[in-house]
Amino acid sequence: MGHLDLLIAAPADPKAHAGWGDVHFARGLQLGLQQLGVTSRLLYRDNHGKAPPPPSGSSLLVLRGKYAPPASWLARQPYACMALWLISWPLNPTPTELATYDRLFVASTQDTPRIARLSGRPTSTLLQATGFWHMGRPEPASGGLLFVGNTRGVSRPIVQTFHRAGLPLELIGGGWEELGLQAQASSIANHQLPARYRRALAVLNDHHQAMADYGYLNNRVFDVLACAVPVITDVAPGCPPELEDAVVRHPTGTDPSASLEQARDLRAKPLLLSRVARCVRQQHSFVARARQLLARLSAG
């Protein structure tokens, strides 16, 4: 395969990209494809209808989050193959939408059989991935717990739990002041995240309910572990076994002090954290995912 277009849910305006994880995900995949000799371009939800025709023999990959391209647009496209990678919002796609594609990829081992039944199309698991990495021994923690994310207009339970327990917690994101919490900053550039993660004692993480219920492990888990830092997460659905040692699960009702102590214990095991980070880099990078993706698309 020589060229692959990537269609994402974000708008084309660069000023809006900071709030869209889809953009960083797609750019990471682009770099992975580039290393394998495949060119690509990003198509956005509000301008893909005006994009010039792709090179002859190109394929399309829709990174399916909140946005589904119109069936009428897909029907007019000259792509040799059209594929969809379901990375979030698993209950949104309809059977009719799914059946539009030649091939489907699902970021959940648990949910792959359901999507295959709904679509009637060749379907396989392709977990999320990361473009972050850390070589060598972990850096000593110079801060407390860290959470990066907006409120989404709701009270995110894992943040509230650790805050109410009076544990050291730094927030980066928007909307927290409305909930009575003080954020260190309203946002952070994606390229600054690895260094920020590496200084934290551990990073808090949570999942949308549907992602948790249907087994979609979000890419922040991969991002954090790639930086040789423990992650404390509400759930870890479908977590690859080789990464489990650096994951602290914190279900609702769990004592936050106990989870904090688990994270401190992990921080005292730099060789373990380095091993997990190496596994992420080798098996769950965007280069690894691009290689898997291209192999399956080529197999038909």
Foldseek 3Di string as FASTA:
>chain_A
DAEEEEEEADAPPPVPCQQDPRVVLVVQLQVLVVVVNHHYYYHYPPCNLPDDADPPAYEYEYADDPDQHDLVSLVPHPHPFYEYEDQYPVVPDALVSLLSGQEYEYQFPQCFVVSCVSPVHHYYYFHRADADADDDFFDQAPFEEEEEEECVPHNDVVVVQCVVVVGGYAYEAPDVVVVVDDHPYRGDDPVCVLVVLSNYLEYEDEDDPVCQVRQHAHCVCLNNLNSLAAYEYCDGGPDPPLQVQRYHHDHPPRRVVVSRVSSNVSSVVRVSSNSNSVCSVVCGGSNNSSVVVVVVVVVD
